[in-house]
């Protein structure tokens, strides 16, 4: 076999064809011509034509040709786009139901943090039962979005224990510090009426709703009776 290249870049066996079978249209007459990619001396994949009998015996390096992508109709593409992602089912990923919400279907307030110094001056932030994470992120329980010195996620946490009717402040998961009445919060500490919690450049005053004198569980017991 003697491969030559025509002026249009086609390779063919000149011992079988007097001219390029692709250019002259001879590929459809006589022996069938098989077109396959081969590697030239420069390592490039090129196209050559081999007759059916010679294709099996030809000593050529065949380049791996990936399968063509599966065609998708326009309607299938539209249906796939409008269907949206399949819902993820995982029992462990469900949000934990709070102490009060499980019984009442709502999330009653248990206290407030009121900004007395900083970008949120005069604003109040509701506290719920359990842990209330404070940070700049929109998914935090107490969002201090205007203070760039506050960590985005879990700078500090205020906890309400509905069974003990007690409030605590505890360090979050940030490397930044917070201060309770001027003292750094390195471990859980009791939180009392009018205590001052400093987070970044924001100072928050604590006002409880629940405590020794009142708890939402008292109200729920009266409604049950």
N, C-alpha and C. Protein backbone atom coordinates (compact mmCIF):
# COMPACT_ATOMS: atom_id res chain seq x y z
N UNK A 1 0.85 -1.20 0.00
CA UNK A 1 0.00 0.00 0.00
C UNK A 1 0.89 1.24 0.00
N UNK A 2 0.52 2.18 -0.86
CA UNK A 2 1.30 3.41 -0.97
C UNK A 2 0.35 4.59 -0.77
N UNK A 3 0.36 5.17 0.44
CA UNK A 3 -0.54 6.28 0.73
C UNK A 3 0.02 7.58 0.20
N UNK A 4 -0.84 8.31 -0.48
CA UNK A 4 -0.48 9.65 -0.96
C UNK A 4 -1.58 10.61 -0.52
N UNK A 5 -1.25 11.88 -0.55
CA UNK A 5 -2.20 12.90 -0.12
C UNK A 5 -2.53 13.81 -1.30
N UNK A 6 -3.84 14.01 -1.52
CA UNK A 6 -4.25 14.88 -2.63
C UNK A 6 -4.18 16.33 -2.20
N UNK A 7 -4.45 17.23 -3.15
CA UNK A 7 -4.34 18.66 -2.86
C UNK A 7 -5.42 19.14 -1.88
N UNK A 8 -6.47 18.33 -1.69
CA UNK A 8 -7.53 18.70 -0.76
C UNK A 8 -7.34 18.07 0.62
N UNK A 9 -6.21 17.38 0.81
CA UNK A 9 -5.90 16.83 2.11
C UNK A 9 -6.38 15.41 2.34
N UNK A 10 -6.93 14.73 1.30
CA UNK A 10 -7.38 13.35 1.47
C UNK A 10 -6.21 12.39 1.23
N UNK A 11 -6.12 11.33 2.03
CA UNK A 11 -5.12 10.29 1.82
C UNK A 11 -5.78 9.10 1.13
N UNK A 12 -5.08 8.52 0.14
CA UNK A 12 -5.63 7.34 -0.56
C UNK A 12 -4.47 6.48 -1.05
N UNK A 13 -4.80 5.21 -1.42
CA UNK A 13 -3.81 4.24 -1.89
C UNK A 13 -3.68 4.39 -3.40
N UNK A 14 -2.52 4.91 -3.88
CA UNK A 14 -2.37 5.16 -5.31
C UNK A 14 -2.19 3.87 -6.11
N UNK A 15 -1.95 2.72 -5.41
CA UNK A 15 -1.89 1.44 -6.14
C UNK A 15 -3.29 0.95 -6.48
N UNK A 16 -4.30 1.52 -5.82
CA UNK A 16 -5.69 1.12 -6.09
C UNK A 16 -6.43 2.17 -6.89
N UNK A 17 -6.05 3.43 -6.74
CA UNK A 17 -6.76 4.51 -7.42
C UNK A 17 -5.76 5.41 -8.13
N UNK A 18 -6.15 5.80 -9.32
CA UNK A 18 -5.29 6.69 -10.10
C UNK A 18 -5.40 8.13 -9.62
N UNK A 19 -6.50 8.44 -8.97
CA UNK A 19 -6.73 9.79 -8.44
C UNK A 19 -7.48 9.66 -7.13
N UNK A 20 -7.58 10.74 -6.41
CA UNK A 20 -8.26 10.73 -5.12
C UNK A 20 -9.71 10.29 -5.30
N UNK A 21 -10.12 9.18 -4.68
CA UNK A 21 -11.49 8.70 -4.85
C UNK A 21 -12.54 9.65 -4.26
N UNK A 22 -12.13 10.43 -3.26
CA UNK A 22 -13.10 11.37 -2.69
C UNK A 22 -13.35 12.54 -3.63
N UNK A 23 -12.28 13.04 -4.20
CA UNK A 23 -12.42 14.19 -5.09
C UNK A 23 -13.05 13.80 -6.43
N UNK A 24 -12.70 12.60 -6.95
CA UNK A 24 -13.17 12.19 -8.28
C UNK A 24 -14.48 11.43 -8.24
N UNK A 25 -14.93 11.04 -7.02
CA UNK A 25 -16.19 10.33 -6.91
C UNK A 25 -16.07 8.84 -7.15
N UNK A 26 -14.86 8.27 -7.16
CA UNK A 26 -14.68 6.86 -7.40
C UNK A 26 -14.92 6.02 -6.17
N UNK A 27 -15.14 6.67 -5.05
CA UNK A 27 -15.30 5.90 -3.82
C UNK A 27 -16.52 5.02 -3.86
N UNK A 28 -17.49 5.35 -4.69
CA UNK A 28 -18.71 4.56 -4.74
C UNK A 28 -18.64 3.44 -5.73
N UNK A 29 -17.53 3.25 -6.54
CA UNK A 29 -17.43 2.22 -7.56
C UNK A 29 -16.35 1.22 -7.20
N UNK A 30 -16.53 0.00 -7.64
CA UNK A 30 -15.51 -1.03 -7.41
C UNK A 30 -15.48 -1.44 -5.96
N UNK A 31 -14.25 -1.63 -5.44
CA UNK A 31 -14.11 -2.04 -4.05
C UNK A 31 -14.60 -0.94 -3.13
N UNK A 32 -15.22 -1.35 -2.06
CA UNK A 32 -15.67 -0.36 -1.09
C UNK A 32 -14.47 0.29 -0.42
N UNK A 33 -14.62 1.55 -0.13
CA UNK A 33 -13.52 2.30 0.47
C UNK A 33 -13.89 2.61 1.91
N UNK A 34 -13.02 2.23 2.81
CA UNK A 34 -13.24 2.49 4.23
C UNK A 34 -12.42 3.70 4.65
N UNK A 35 -13.07 4.63 5.27
CA UNK A 35 -12.40 5.84 5.76
C UNK A 35 -12.14 5.69 7.25
N UNK A 36 -10.90 5.89 7.66
CA UNK A 36 -10.57 5.79 9.09
C UNK A 36 -9.47 6.79 9.42
N UNK A 37 -9.42 7.24 10.67
CA UNK A 37 -8.35 8.15 11.08
C UNK A 37 -7.06 7.40 11.33
N UNK A 38 -5.93 7.96 10.88
CA UNK A 38 -4.62 7.37 11.15
C UNK A 38 -3.71 8.47 11.65
N UNK A 39 -2.60 8.09 12.24
CA UNK A 39 -1.64 9.05 12.76
C UNK A 39 -0.52 9.23 11.76
N UNK A 40 -0.26 10.47 11.35
CA UNK A 40 0.84 10.73 10.42
C UNK A 40 2.15 10.85 11.19
N UNK A 41 3.23 11.16 10.50
CA UNK A 41 4.56 11.21 11.13
C UNK A 41 4.63 12.30 12.19
N UNK A 42 3.80 13.33 12.04
CA UNK A 42 3.83 14.43 13.00
C UNK A 42 2.96 14.18 14.22
N UNK A 43 2.32 13.01 14.28
CA UNK A 43 1.49 12.70 15.43
C UNK A 43 0.08 13.25 15.32
N UNK A 44 -0.32 13.73 14.09
CA UNK A 44 -1.63 14.30 13.92
C UNK A 44 -2.58 13.24 13.38
N UNK A 45 -3.84 13.31 13.77
CA UNK A 45 -4.85 12.39 13.27
C UNK A 45 -5.32 12.88 11.91
N UNK A 46 -5.20 12.03 10.86
CA UNK A 46 -5.64 12.38 9.51
C UNK A 46 -6.57 11.30 9.02
N UNK A 47 -7.25 11.55 7.91
CA UNK A 47 -8.21 10.60 7.36
C UNK A 47 -7.62 9.91 6.16
N UNK A 48 -7.76 8.58 6.08
CA UNK A 48 -7.29 7.81 4.94
C UNK A 48 -8.39 6.88 4.47
N UNK A 49 -8.26 6.34 3.26
CA UNK A 49 -9.27 5.48 2.67
C UNK A 49 -8.64 4.12 2.37
N UNK A 50 -9.27 3.05 2.81
CA UNK A 50 -8.77 1.71 2.59
C UNK A 50 -9.89 0.86 2.03
N UNK A 51 -9.57 -0.01 1.07
CA UNK A 51 -10.58 -0.93 0.55
C UNK A 51 -10.91 -1.94 1.62
N UNK A 52 -12.07 -2.61 1.48
CA UNK A 52 -12.54 -3.52 2.51
C UNK A 52 -11.54 -4.59 2.84
N UNK A 53 -10.89 -5.22 1.84
CA UNK A 53 -9.96 -6.32 2.11
C UNK A 53 -8.68 -5.81 2.73
N UNK A 54 -8.22 -4.66 2.25
CA UNK A 54 -6.94 -4.14 2.73
C UNK A 54 -7.09 -3.46 4.09
N UNK A 55 -8.30 -3.06 4.44
CA UNK A 55 -8.47 -2.33 5.70
C UNK A 55 -8.09 -3.19 6.89
N UNK A 56 -8.40 -4.49 6.79
CA UNK A 56 -8.09 -5.38 7.91
C UNK A 56 -6.61 -5.66 8.02
N UNK A 57 -5.91 -5.69 6.84
CA UNK A 57 -4.51 -6.07 6.85
C UNK A 57 -3.56 -4.88 6.88
N UNK A 58 -4.08 -3.69 6.71
CA UNK A 58 -3.21 -2.51 6.62
C UNK A 58 -2.47 -2.30 7.93
N UNK A 59 -1.16 -2.04 7.79
CA UNK A 59 -0.32 -1.82 8.98
C UNK A 59 -0.28 -0.33 9.28
N UNK A 60 -1.35 0.17 9.89
CA UNK A 60 -1.45 1.59 10.20
C UNK A 60 -1.80 1.73 11.66
N UNK A 61 -1.49 2.89 12.19
CA UNK A 61 -1.85 3.20 13.57
C UNK A 61 -3.19 3.91 13.57
N UNK A 62 -4.18 3.31 14.19
CA UNK A 62 -5.53 3.85 14.16
C UNK A 62 -5.75 4.70 15.40
N UNK A 63 -6.20 5.93 15.18
CA UNK A 63 -6.48 6.83 16.30
C UNK A 63 -7.82 6.48 16.90
N UNK A 64 -7.88 6.49 18.23
CA UNK A 64 -9.15 6.20 18.89
C UNK A 64 -10.13 7.32 18.61
N UNK A 65 -11.29 6.95 18.12
CA UNK A 65 -12.32 7.94 17.78
C UNK A 65 -13.43 7.86 18.80
N UNK A 66 -13.70 8.92 19.56
CA UNK A 66 -14.76 8.87 20.56
C UNK A 66 -16.12 8.72 19.91
N UNK A 67 -17.02 8.09 20.63
CA UNK A 67 -18.36 7.93 20.10
C UNK A 67 -19.02 9.30 20.01
N UNK A 68 -19.81 9.53 18.97
CA UNK A 68 -20.50 10.82 18.83
C UNK A 68 -21.50 11.00 19.95
N UNK A 69 -21.73 12.23 20.39
CA UNK A 69 -22.68 12.45 21.47
C UNK A 69 -24.08 12.04 21.05
N UNK A 70 -24.83 11.50 21.99
CA UNK A 70 -26.19 11.08 21.72
C UNK A 70 -27.05 12.29 21.42
N UNK A 71 -27.78 12.25 20.35
CA UNK A 71 -28.62 13.38 19.97
C UNK A 71 -29.82 13.46 20.90
N UNK A 72 -30.22 14.68 21.23
CA UNK A 72 -31.36 14.91 22.10
C UNK A 72 -32.32 15.83 21.38
N UNK A 73 -33.58 15.43 21.35
CA UNK A 73 -34.56 16.24 20.65
C UNK A 73 -34.82 17.52 21.42
N UNK A 74 -35.35 18.53 20.73
CA UNK A 74 -35.65 19.81 21.36
C UNK A 74 -36.66 19.63 22.49
N UNK A 75 -37.67 18.78 22.26
CA UNK A 75 -38.69 18.57 23.28
C UNK A 75 -38.12 17.93 24.53
N UNK A 76 -37.18 16.96 24.33
CA UNK A 76 -36.55 16.31 25.48
C UNK A 76 -35.74 17.32 26.29
N UNK A 77 -35.04 18.23 25.58
CA UNK A 77 -34.24 19.24 26.27
C UNK A 77 -35.12 20.18 27.08
N UNK A 78 -36.28 20.58 26.49
CA UNK A 78 -37.20 21.46 27.18
C UNK A 78 -37.77 20.78 28.41
N UNK A 79 -38.16 19.50 28.25
CA UNK A 79 -38.72 18.76 29.38
C UNK A 79 -37.72 18.63 30.51
N UNK A 80 -36.45 18.38 30.14
CA UNK A 80 -35.40 18.22 31.16
C UNK A 80 -35.16 19.52 31.90
N UNK A 81 -35.18 20.65 31.18
CA UNK A 81 -34.91 21.95 31.80
C UNK A 81 -36.03 22.38 32.73
N UNK A 82 -37.29 22.09 32.32
CA UNK A 82 -38.42 22.54 33.13
C UNK A 82 -38.71 21.62 34.29
N UNK A 83 -38.21 20.39 34.22
CA UNK A 83 -38.49 19.43 35.29
C UNK A 83 -37.78 19.81 36.58
N UNK A 84 -36.58 20.45 36.46
CA UNK A 84 -35.82 20.83 37.64
C UNK A 84 -35.11 19.65 38.24
N UNK A 85 -34.23 19.88 39.21
CA UNK A 85 -33.46 18.79 39.82
C UNK A 85 -34.36 17.86 40.62
N UNK A 86 -33.97 16.61 40.67
CA UNK A 86 -34.73 15.64 41.44
C UNK A 86 -34.58 15.94 42.92
N UNK A 87 -35.65 15.84 43.68
CA UNK A 87 -35.57 16.14 45.11
C UNK A 87 -34.68 15.16 45.83
N UNK A 88 -33.88 15.68 46.78
CA UNK A 88 -32.99 14.84 47.57
C UNK A 88 -33.75 14.36 48.79
N UNK A 89 -33.70 13.08 49.04
CA UNK A 89 -34.42 12.49 50.16
C UNK A 89 -33.41 12.00 51.18
N UNK A 90 -33.42 12.61 52.31
CA UNK A 90 -32.51 12.18 53.38
C UNK A 90 -33.10 12.58 54.71
N UNK A 91 -33.39 11.61 55.53
CA UNK A 91 -33.99 11.91 56.83
C UNK A 91 -33.06 12.70 57.71
N UNK A 92 -31.75 12.51 57.58
CA UNK A 92 -30.80 13.19 58.45
C UNK A 92 -30.63 14.66 58.09
N UNK A 93 -31.04 15.06 56.85
CA UNK A 93 -30.84 16.43 56.42
C UNK A 93 -32.00 17.34 56.81
N UNK A 94 -33.07 16.80 57.38
CA UNK A 94 -34.20 17.62 57.74
C UNK A 94 -33.84 18.52 58.92
N UNK A 95 -34.41 19.73 58.91
CA UNK A 95 -34.12 20.69 59.97
C UNK A 95 -34.74 20.23 61.28
N UNK A 96 -33.99 20.37 62.36
CA UNK A 96 -34.47 19.94 63.66
C UNK A 96 -35.65 20.81 64.10
N UNK A 97 -36.71 20.16 64.58
CA UNK A 97 -37.89 20.88 65.06
C UNK A 97 -37.61 21.36 66.48
N UNK A 98 -37.85 22.65 66.74
CA UNK A 98 -37.54 23.22 68.05
C UNK A 98 -38.49 22.71 69.12
N UNK A 99 -38.15 23.00 70.36
CA UNK A 99 -38.90 22.52 71.52
C UNK A 99 -40.35 22.98 71.47
N UNK A 100 -40.58 24.27 71.20
CA UNK A 100 -41.94 24.80 71.20
C UNK A 100 -42.67 24.55 69.89
N UNK A 101 -41.96 24.64 68.77
CA UNK A 101 -42.61 24.51 67.47
C UNK A 101 -43.23 23.14 67.29
N UNK A 102 -42.63 22.13 67.89
CA UNK A 102 -43.17 20.77 67.78
C UNK A 102 -44.55 20.69 68.41
N UNK A 103 -44.79 21.47 69.47
CA UNK A 103 -46.07 21.42 70.18
C UNK A 103 -47.08 22.42 69.67
N UNK A 104 -46.62 23.61 69.27
CA UNK A 104 -47.55 24.69 68.90
C UNK A 104 -47.62 24.96 67.41
N UNK A 105 -46.63 24.51 66.66
CA UNK A 105 -46.60 24.81 65.22
C UNK A 105 -46.02 26.17 64.92
N UNK A 106 -45.66 26.93 65.95
CA UNK A 106 -45.05 28.25 65.78
C UNK A 106 -43.73 28.29 66.56
N UNK A 107 -43.00 29.39 66.37
CA UNK A 107 -41.72 29.58 67.05
C UNK A 107 -41.83 30.82 67.92
N UNK A 108 -42.35 30.70 69.14
CA UNK A 108 -42.55 31.88 69.98
C UNK A 108 -41.23 32.51 70.42
N UNK A 109 -41.25 33.81 70.61
CA UNK A 109 -40.08 34.53 71.06
C UNK A 109 -39.80 34.19 72.52
N UNK A 110 -38.53 34.08 72.87
CA UNK A 110 -38.15 33.82 74.26
C UNK A 110 -37.34 34.97 74.85
N UNK A 111 -36.94 35.90 73.99
CA UNK A 111 -36.16 37.05 74.45
C UNK A 111 -35.72 37.89 73.28
N UNK A 112 -35.01 38.97 73.58
CA UNK A 112 -34.55 39.88 72.53
C UNK A 112 -33.11 40.33 72.80
N UNK A 113 -32.43 40.65 71.75
CA UNK A 113 -31.17 41.38 71.80
C UNK A 113 -31.42 42.72 71.13
N UNK A 114 -31.14 43.80 71.84
CA UNK A 114 -31.39 45.14 71.32
C UNK A 114 -30.05 45.84 71.12
N UNK A 115 -29.83 46.34 69.91
CA UNK A 115 -28.57 47.01 69.61
C UNK A 115 -28.55 48.40 70.25
N UNK A 116 -27.58 48.63 71.12
CA UNK A 116 -27.45 49.94 71.77
C UNK A 116 -26.19 50.67 71.30
N UNK A 117 -25.41 50.00 70.46
CA UNK A 117 -24.21 50.64 69.92
C UNK A 117 -23.80 49.90 68.65
N UNK A 118 -23.59 50.68 67.57
CA UNK A 118 -23.18 50.05 66.32
C UNK A 118 -24.10 50.39 65.17
N UNK A 119 -23.87 49.75 64.03
CA UNK A 119 -24.60 50.06 62.80
C UNK A 119 -26.08 49.72 62.88
N UNK A 120 -26.46 48.81 63.77
CA UNK A 120 -27.87 48.42 63.92
C UNK A 120 -28.53 49.12 65.11
N UNK A 121 -28.02 50.28 65.49
CA UNK A 121 -28.50 51.00 66.67
C UNK A 121 -30.03 51.10 66.67
N UNK A 122 -30.63 50.70 67.80
CA UNK A 122 -32.08 50.79 67.96
C UNK A 122 -32.86 49.60 67.44
N UNK A 123 -32.22 48.69 66.74
CA UNK A 123 -32.92 47.52 66.21
C UNK A 123 -32.95 46.41 67.25
N UNK A 124 -34.00 45.58 67.16
CA UNK A 124 -34.11 44.43 68.06
C UNK A 124 -34.06 43.14 67.26
N UNK A 125 -33.55 42.11 67.91
CA UNK A 125 -33.40 40.80 67.28
C UNK A 125 -34.06 39.75 68.17
N UNK A 126 -34.99 39.00 67.59
CA UNK A 126 -35.72 37.98 68.35
C UNK A 126 -34.84 36.76 68.64
N UNK A 127 -35.05 36.21 69.81
CA UNK A 127 -34.39 34.96 70.19
C UNK A 127 -35.43 33.86 70.29
N UNK A 128 -35.06 32.66 69.89
CA UNK A 128 -35.96 31.51 69.95
C UNK A 128 -35.37 30.47 70.90
N UNK A 129 -36.16 29.45 71.17
CA UNK A 129 -35.69 28.37 72.03
C UNK A 129 -34.54 27.62 71.38
N UNK A 130 -33.58 27.18 72.19
CA UNK A 130 -32.41 26.49 71.66
C UNK A 130 -31.27 27.45 71.40
N UNK A 131 -30.44 27.12 70.42
CA UNK A 131 -29.26 27.95 70.11
C UNK A 131 -29.60 29.00 69.06
N UNK A 132 -29.17 30.22 69.30
CA UNK A 132 -29.34 31.32 68.36
C UNK A 132 -27.95 31.78 67.94
N UNK A 133 -27.55 31.43 66.72
CA UNK A 133 -26.23 31.81 66.24
C UNK A 133 -26.25 33.24 65.70
N UNK A 134 -25.22 33.99 66.04
CA UNK A 134 -25.09 35.38 65.63
C UNK A 134 -23.98 35.50 64.60
N UNK A 135 -24.25 36.22 63.50
CA UNK A 135 -23.25 36.41 62.45
C UNK A 135 -23.79 37.32 61.36
N UNK A 136 -22.96 37.58 60.35
CA UNK A 136 -23.38 38.45 59.25
C UNK A 136 -24.19 37.71 58.19
N UNK A 137 -24.03 36.39 58.11
CA UNK A 137 -24.69 35.61 57.08
C UNK A 137 -26.21 35.65 57.19
N UNK A 138 -26.87 35.61 56.03
CA UNK A 138 -28.33 35.69 56.00
C UNK A 138 -28.99 34.47 56.63
N UNK A 139 -28.26 33.38 56.77
CA UNK A 139 -28.82 32.17 57.35
C UNK A 139 -28.61 32.08 58.86
N UNK A 140 -28.06 33.11 59.46
CA UNK A 140 -27.88 33.13 60.91
C UNK A 140 -29.21 33.44 61.60
N UNK A 141 -29.33 33.06 62.87
CA UNK A 141 -30.55 33.35 63.64
C UNK A 141 -30.63 34.83 63.98
N UNK A 142 -29.51 35.42 64.31
CA UNK A 142 -29.41 36.87 64.55
C UNK A 142 -28.43 37.41 63.51
N UNK A 143 -28.96 38.18 62.56
CA UNK A 143 -28.16 38.64 61.42
C UNK A 143 -27.66 40.06 61.68
N UNK A 144 -26.35 40.20 61.88
CA UNK A 144 -25.72 41.52 62.06
C UNK A 144 -25.04 41.86 60.73
N UNK A 145 -25.82 42.17 59.74
CA UNK A 145 -25.31 42.31 58.37
C UNK A 145 -24.54 43.60 58.13
N UNK A 146 -24.76 44.64 58.93
CA UNK A 146 -24.15 45.94 58.68
C UNK A 146 -22.78 46.12 59.33
N UNK A 147 -22.36 45.15 60.11
CA UNK A 147 -21.08 45.26 60.83
C UNK A 147 -20.08 44.30 60.20
N UNK A 148 -19.14 44.85 59.43
CA UNK A 148 -18.15 44.02 58.74
C UNK A 148 -17.16 43.35 59.66
N UNK A 149 -17.11 43.74 60.93
CA UNK A 149 -16.18 43.11 61.87
C UNK A 149 -16.76 41.85 62.51
N UNK A 150 -18.02 41.58 62.23
CA UNK A 150 -18.68 40.37 62.75
C UNK A 150 -18.45 39.23 61.76
N UNK A 151 -18.11 38.07 62.26
CA UNK A 151 -17.90 36.91 61.39
C UNK A 151 -19.19 36.56 60.65
N UNK A 152 -19.03 36.04 59.46
CA UNK A 152 -20.21 35.69 58.66
C UNK A 152 -21.01 34.56 59.31
N UNK A 153 -20.32 33.55 59.80
CA UNK A 153 -21.00 32.37 60.34
C UNK A 153 -20.64 32.14 61.81
N UNK A 154 -21.65 32.07 62.66
CA UNK A 154 -21.52 31.59 64.03
C UNK A 154 -20.41 32.27 64.83
N UNK A 155 -20.49 33.58 64.88
CA UNK A 155 -19.51 34.34 65.67
C UNK A 155 -19.64 33.99 67.15
N UNK A 156 -20.89 33.94 67.62
CA UNK A 156 -21.19 33.62 69.01
C UNK A 156 -22.63 33.09 69.04
N UNK A 157 -23.02 32.46 70.14
CA UNK A 157 -24.38 31.91 70.23
C UNK A 157 -25.01 32.27 71.56
N UNK A 158 -26.31 32.59 71.51
CA UNK A 158 -27.12 32.77 72.71
C UNK A 158 -28.07 31.59 72.79
N UNK A 159 -28.08 30.92 73.93
CA UNK A 159 -28.85 29.68 74.09
C UNK A 159 -29.94 29.88 75.13
N UNK A 160 -31.15 29.38 74.79
CA UNK A 160 -32.22 29.34 75.79
C UNK A 160 -32.58 27.89 76.04
N UNK A 161 -32.49 27.47 77.31
CA UNK A 161 -32.86 26.12 77.72
C UNK A 161 -34.29 26.16 78.26
N UNK A 162 -35.28 25.65 77.50
CA UNK A 162 -36.67 25.76 77.94
C UNK A 162 -37.00 24.93 79.18
N UNK A 163 -36.26 23.87 79.41
CA UNK A 163 -36.52 23.05 80.59
C UNK A 163 -35.96 23.70 81.85
N UNK A 164 -34.78 24.26 81.75
CA UNK A 164 -34.19 24.95 82.90
C UNK A 164 -34.56 26.42 82.95
N UNK A 165 -35.22 26.92 81.89
CA UNK A 165 -35.59 28.33 81.77
C UNK A 165 -34.39 29.24 82.04
N UNK A 166 -33.31 28.94 81.39
CA UNK A 166 -32.08 29.70 81.60
C UNK A 166 -31.49 30.10 80.26
N UNK A 167 -30.84 31.27 80.26
CA UNK A 167 -30.16 31.77 79.07
C UNK A 167 -28.65 31.66 79.28
N UNK A 168 -27.96 31.31 78.21
CA UNK A 168 -26.50 31.22 78.22
C UNK A 168 -25.94 31.89 76.99
N UNK A 169 -24.71 32.38 77.10
CA UNK A 169 -23.96 32.83 75.93
C UNK A 169 -22.74 31.93 75.83
N UNK A 170 -22.42 31.50 74.61
CA UNK A 170 -21.30 30.58 74.44
C UNK A 170 -20.54 30.91 73.17
N UNK A 171 -19.23 30.59 73.13
CA UNK A 171 -18.45 30.89 71.93
C UNK A 171 -19.02 30.19 70.70
N UNK A 172 -18.86 30.84 69.55
CA UNK A 172 -19.30 30.22 68.31
C UNK A 172 -18.18 29.42 67.68
N UNK A 173 -18.19 29.35 66.36
CA UNK A 173 -17.18 28.59 65.64
C UNK A 173 -16.20 29.50 64.91
N UNK A 174 -16.20 30.77 65.25
CA UNK A 174 -15.32 31.75 64.61
C UNK A 174 -14.07 31.96 65.46
N UNK A 175 -13.01 32.42 64.80
CA UNK A 175 -11.79 32.75 65.54
C UNK A 175 -11.92 34.11 66.22
N UNK A 176 -12.93 34.90 65.83
CA UNK A 176 -13.13 36.21 66.43
C UNK A 176 -13.75 36.06 67.82
N UNK A 177 -13.48 37.02 68.69
CA UNK A 177 -13.95 36.97 70.07
C UNK A 177 -15.22 37.79 70.25
N UNK A 178 -15.92 37.49 71.33
CA UNK A 178 -17.06 38.29 71.75
C UNK A 178 -16.92 38.52 73.25
N UNK A 179 -17.66 39.51 73.77
CA UNK A 179 -17.46 39.92 75.16
C UNK A 179 -18.81 40.07 75.86
N UNK A 180 -18.89 39.55 77.08
CA UNK A 180 -20.09 39.68 77.91
C UNK A 180 -19.75 40.62 79.06
N UNK A 181 -20.38 41.78 79.05
CA UNK A 181 -20.12 42.81 80.07
C UNK A 181 -18.63 43.13 80.18
N UNK A 182 -17.95 43.13 79.04
CA UNK A 182 -16.54 43.47 78.99
C UNK A 182 -15.59 42.31 79.15
N UNK A 183 -16.08 41.13 79.51
CA UNK A 183 -15.22 39.96 79.70
C UNK A 183 -15.33 39.04 78.48
N UNK A 184 -14.19 38.54 78.03
CA UNK A 184 -14.18 37.70 76.85
C UNK A 184 -14.94 36.40 77.12
N UNK A 185 -15.69 35.96 76.13
CA UNK A 185 -16.48 34.73 76.25
C UNK A 185 -15.64 33.57 75.72
N UNK A 186 -15.11 32.76 76.63
CA UNK A 186 -14.30 31.61 76.25
C UNK A 186 -15.00 30.29 76.58
N UNK A 187 -16.06 30.38 77.40
CA UNK A 187 -16.84 29.20 77.77
C UNK A 187 -18.26 29.66 78.06
N UNK A 188 -19.23 28.74 78.14
CA UNK A 188 -20.61 29.14 78.41
C UNK A 188 -20.72 29.96 79.69
N UNK A 189 -21.54 31.03 79.62
CA UNK A 189 -21.75 31.90 80.77
C UNK A 189 -23.22 32.27 80.84
N UNK A 190 -23.74 32.44 82.06
CA UNK A 190 -25.14 32.80 82.26
C UNK A 190 -25.41 34.20 81.71
N UNK A 191 -26.59 34.35 81.12
CA UNK A 191 -26.99 35.63 80.54
C UNK A 191 -28.20 36.14 81.31
N UNK A 192 -28.11 37.38 81.82
CA UNK A 192 -29.16 37.93 82.67
C UNK A 192 -29.69 39.24 82.08
N UNK A 193 -30.81 39.69 82.64
CA UNK A 193 -31.46 40.92 82.19
C UNK A 193 -30.48 42.09 82.14
N UNK A 194 -30.49 42.81 81.04
CA UNK A 194 -29.67 44.00 80.79
C UNK A 194 -28.19 43.70 80.62
N UNK A 195 -27.80 42.44 80.53
CA UNK A 195 -26.41 42.13 80.21
C UNK A 195 -26.06 42.66 78.83
N UNK A 196 -24.79 43.02 78.65
CA UNK A 196 -24.33 43.59 77.38
C UNK A 196 -23.41 42.58 76.68
N UNK A 197 -23.75 42.26 75.46
CA UNK A 197 -22.96 41.34 74.65
C UNK A 197 -22.37 42.12 73.48
N UNK A 198 -21.04 42.13 73.39
CA UNK A 198 -20.35 42.85 72.32
C UNK A 198 -19.84 41.87 71.28
N UNK A 199 -20.28 42.09 70.05
CA UNK A 199 -19.89 41.24 68.91
C UNK A 199 -19.33 42.16 67.84
N UNK A 200 -18.03 42.05 67.54
CA UNK A 200 -17.42 42.99 66.60
C UNK A 200 -17.50 44.39 67.17
N UNK A 201 -18.09 45.31 66.40
CA UNK A 201 -18.29 46.68 66.85
C UNK A 201 -19.75 46.92 67.24
N UNK A 202 -20.49 45.86 67.45
CA UNK A 202 -21.90 45.94 67.80
C UNK A 202 -22.10 45.52 69.25
N UNK A 203 -22.81 46.37 70.02
CA UNK A 203 -23.12 46.04 71.41
C UNK A 203 -24.62 45.78 71.51
N UNK A 204 -24.95 44.62 72.09
CA UNK A 204 -26.34 44.18 72.20
C UNK A 204 -26.73 44.05 73.67
N UNK A 205 -27.91 44.57 74.01
CA UNK A 205 -28.43 44.44 75.37
C UNK A 205 -29.47 43.32 75.39
N UNK A 206 -29.38 42.47 76.41
CA UNK A 206 -30.26 41.31 76.50
C UNK A 206 -31.51 41.60 77.32
N UNK A 207 -32.68 41.28 76.74
CA UNK A 207 -33.96 41.40 77.43
C UNK A 207 -34.67 40.06 77.33
N UNK A 208 -34.88 39.35 78.44
CA UNK A 208 -35.54 38.06 78.38
C UNK A 208 -37.07 38.19 78.35
N UNK A 209 -37.70 37.23 77.74
CA UNK A 209 -39.16 37.11 77.81
C UNK A 209 -39.52 35.96 78.74
N UNK A 210 -38.82 34.86 78.58
CA UNK A 210 -39.05 33.68 79.42
C UNK A 210 -38.06 33.65 80.58
N UNK A 211 -38.46 32.98 81.64
CA UNK A 211 -37.60 32.86 82.82
C UNK A 211 -38.37 32.24 83.96
N UNK A 212 -37.97 32.57 85.18
CA UNK A 212 -38.62 31.99 86.35
C UNK A 212 -40.09 32.40 86.45
N UNK A 213 -40.43 33.60 85.97
CA UNK A 213 -41.79 34.11 86.10
C UNK A 213 -42.70 33.71 84.94
N UNK A 214 -42.11 33.31 83.84
CA UNK A 214 -42.94 32.99 82.67
C UNK A 214 -42.22 32.01 81.76
N UNK A 215 -43.01 31.09 81.22
CA UNK A 215 -42.49 30.16 80.22
C UNK A 215 -43.64 29.73 79.32
N UNK A 216 -43.37 29.53 78.05
CA UNK A 216 -44.42 29.16 77.11
C UNK A 216 -45.03 27.80 77.44
N UNK A 217 -44.30 26.96 78.12
CA UNK A 217 -44.87 25.66 78.49
C UNK A 217 -46.00 25.82 79.49
N UNK A 218 -45.95 26.88 80.34
CA UNK A 218 -47.06 27.15 81.27
C UNK A 218 -48.33 27.46 80.50
N UNK A 219 -48.21 28.27 79.47
CA UNK A 219 -49.36 28.64 78.65
C UNK A 219 -49.92 27.42 77.94
N UNK A 220 -49.05 26.59 77.42
CA UNK A 220 -49.50 25.41 76.68
C UNK A 220 -50.22 24.43 77.60
N UNK A 221 -49.78 24.31 78.86
CA UNK A 221 -50.44 23.42 79.80
C UNK A 221 -51.84 23.92 80.12
N UNK A 222 -52.00 25.24 80.25
CA UNK A 222 -53.32 25.81 80.53
C UNK A 222 -54.27 25.56 79.37
N UNK A 223 -53.76 25.68 78.14
CA UNK A 223 -54.61 25.45 76.97
C UNK A 223 -55.03 23.99 76.88
N UNK A 224 -54.15 23.09 77.29
CA UNK A 224 -54.49 21.66 77.25
C UNK A 224 -55.58 21.33 78.27
N UNK A 225 -55.57 22.05 79.41
CA UNK A 225 -56.58 21.81 80.44
C UNK A 225 -57.90 22.50 80.08
